[in-house]
Each structure stands twice: as C-alpha cells, then as structure tokens.
C-alpha cells in the first residue's frame, strides 16, 4: 500500500480537480508531466519517481482507473479509505 494524500478542489460546490500526492521529499518539484489519459496526468521527479497524480475531472474517473494507474507505475495500491473522498466528490 502506498501512502497518499488526496486533495480535491471545488468550484461552485462541484469537484473541479483532484491531486493525489505520493511520497516526495520536502521542497521537491515536478520535472515533467506525462498525460496518461485525458483525465489523468502524472508528475515525475528528476530521477523518474512519480510524485503525484492529477485528476482533471474527478467525476469522470473511476477508482478502477486510478488503481490501474498505480499498478502501471509499480506502486502499491492505496487503501479504499484513502480514495473514498473521490467517490463522494
């Protein structure tokens, strides 16, 4: 299981975007971003480690898609409780 922190941004009471923060060092910034699908982007560090996952349209992305991305990145899947706010959004 990968420890994550999930942030959801709302506009006019509706989910606008979401970001899943992965393990990153303090002050570490993204060196490049890769588009996985129209709604999923991954930020990578200089050394190629994934730093975070941007969910452009939270209501259009399923948990299965998010879990598949974790698998593709070689990360352990977060617990369903960690991602529960995505379904509430």
Protein backbone atom coordinates (compact mmCIF):
# COMPACT_ATOMS: atom_id res chain seq x y z
CA UNK A 1 0.00 0.00 0.00
CA UNK A 2 1.36 3.42 -0.98
CA UNK A 3 0.78 6.25 1.49
CA UNK A 4 -1.07 9.06 -0.26
CA UNK A 5 -2.61 12.41 0.47
CA UNK A 6 -5.64 13.41 -1.58
CA UNK A 7 -6.67 17.00 -2.26
CA UNK A 8 -9.92 17.84 -4.03
CA UNK A 9 -10.59 21.36 -5.31
CA UNK A 10 -14.19 22.53 -5.61
CA UNK A 11 -15.68 25.34 -7.67
CA UNK A 12 -19.26 26.44 -7.04
CA UNK A 13 -19.81 23.37 -4.85
CA UNK A 14 -18.72 20.86 -7.51
CA UNK A 15 -15.42 18.94 -7.72
CA UNK A 16 -13.18 20.76 -10.16
CA UNK A 17 -9.92 18.79 -9.90
CA UNK A 18 -8.11 16.40 -7.58
CA UNK A 19 -4.48 15.63 -6.81
CA UNK A 20 -3.02 12.53 -5.21
CA UNK A 21 0.27 13.37 -3.52
CA UNK A 22 2.71 10.47 -3.44
CA UNK A 23 5.93 10.17 -1.44
CA UNK A 24 8.01 13.23 -2.10
CA UNK A 25 10.88 14.96 -0.38
CA UNK A 26 10.27 18.38 1.19
CA UNK A 27 10.51 21.07 -1.47
CA UNK A 28 10.72 18.54 -4.31
CA UNK A 29 9.09 19.73 -7.54
CA UNK A 30 7.92 18.07 -10.68
CA UNK A 31 10.46 17.85 -13.50
CA UNK A 32 7.99 16.58 -16.11
CA UNK A 33 4.35 15.64 -16.50
CA UNK A 34 3.02 12.71 -18.51
CA UNK A 35 -0.54 12.52 -19.78
CA UNK A 36 -1.91 9.02 -19.19
CA UNK A 37 -5.47 9.71 -20.32
CA UNK A 38 -7.45 12.86 -20.98
CA UNK A 39 -8.32 12.98 -17.26
CA UNK A 40 -5.15 11.58 -15.60
CA UNK A 41 -1.71 13.18 -15.50
CA UNK A 42 1.38 12.04 -13.59
CA UNK A 43 4.09 14.35 -12.27
CA UNK A 44 7.61 12.90 -12.11
CA UNK A 45 10.78 13.93 -10.24
CA UNK A 46 14.15 14.42 -11.96
CA UNK A 47 15.05 10.80 -11.15
CA UNK A 48 11.83 9.43 -12.71
CA UNK A 49 9.91 8.74 -9.49
CA UNK A 50 6.21 9.58 -9.63
CA UNK A 51 5.41 12.48 -7.29
CA UNK A 52 1.70 12.88 -7.83
CA UNK A 53 -1.34 12.12 -9.91
CA UNK A 54 -3.59 14.91 -11.18
CA UNK A 55 -7.22 14.01 -11.82
CA UNK A 56 -8.51 16.68 -14.17
CA UNK A 57 -12.19 15.68 -13.99
CA UNK A 58 -12.83 13.77 -10.75
CA UNK A 59 -16.38 12.73 -11.61
CA UNK A 60 -15.23 11.21 -14.92
CA UNK A 61 -12.53 8.94 -13.41
CA UNK A 62 -13.29 5.60 -11.80
CA UNK A 63 -11.42 4.07 -8.88
CA UNK A 64 -10.52 1.17 -11.19
CA UNK A 65 -8.72 3.63 -13.50
CA UNK A 66 -6.84 5.13 -10.57
CA UNK A 67 -5.86 1.68 -9.25
CA UNK A 68 -4.75 0.63 -12.75
CA UNK A 69 -2.50 3.69 -12.87
CA UNK A 70 -0.96 2.79 -9.51
CA UNK A 71 -0.30 -0.70 -10.92
CA UNK A 72 1.22 0.74 -14.11
CA UNK A 73 3.54 2.95 -12.03
CA UNK A 74 4.61 -0.03 -9.94
CA UNK A 75 3.16 1.46 -6.77
CA UNK A 76 1.21 -0.38 -4.12
CA UNK A 77 -2.46 0.49 -4.25
CA UNK A 78 -3.71 2.90 -1.58
CA UNK A 79 -6.47 1.73 0.71
CA UNK A 80 -10.05 2.33 -0.43
CA UNK A 81 -10.45 4.68 2.56
CA UNK A 82 -7.64 6.91 1.25
CA UNK A 83 -9.53 7.39 -2.02
CA UNK A 84 -13.06 7.43 -0.61
CA UNK A 85 -13.37 11.23 -0.98
CA UNK A 86 -13.09 10.80 -4.76
CA UNK A 87 -16.35 8.85 -4.78
CA UNK A 88 -18.00 11.38 -2.51
CA UNK A 89 -16.91 14.17 -4.86
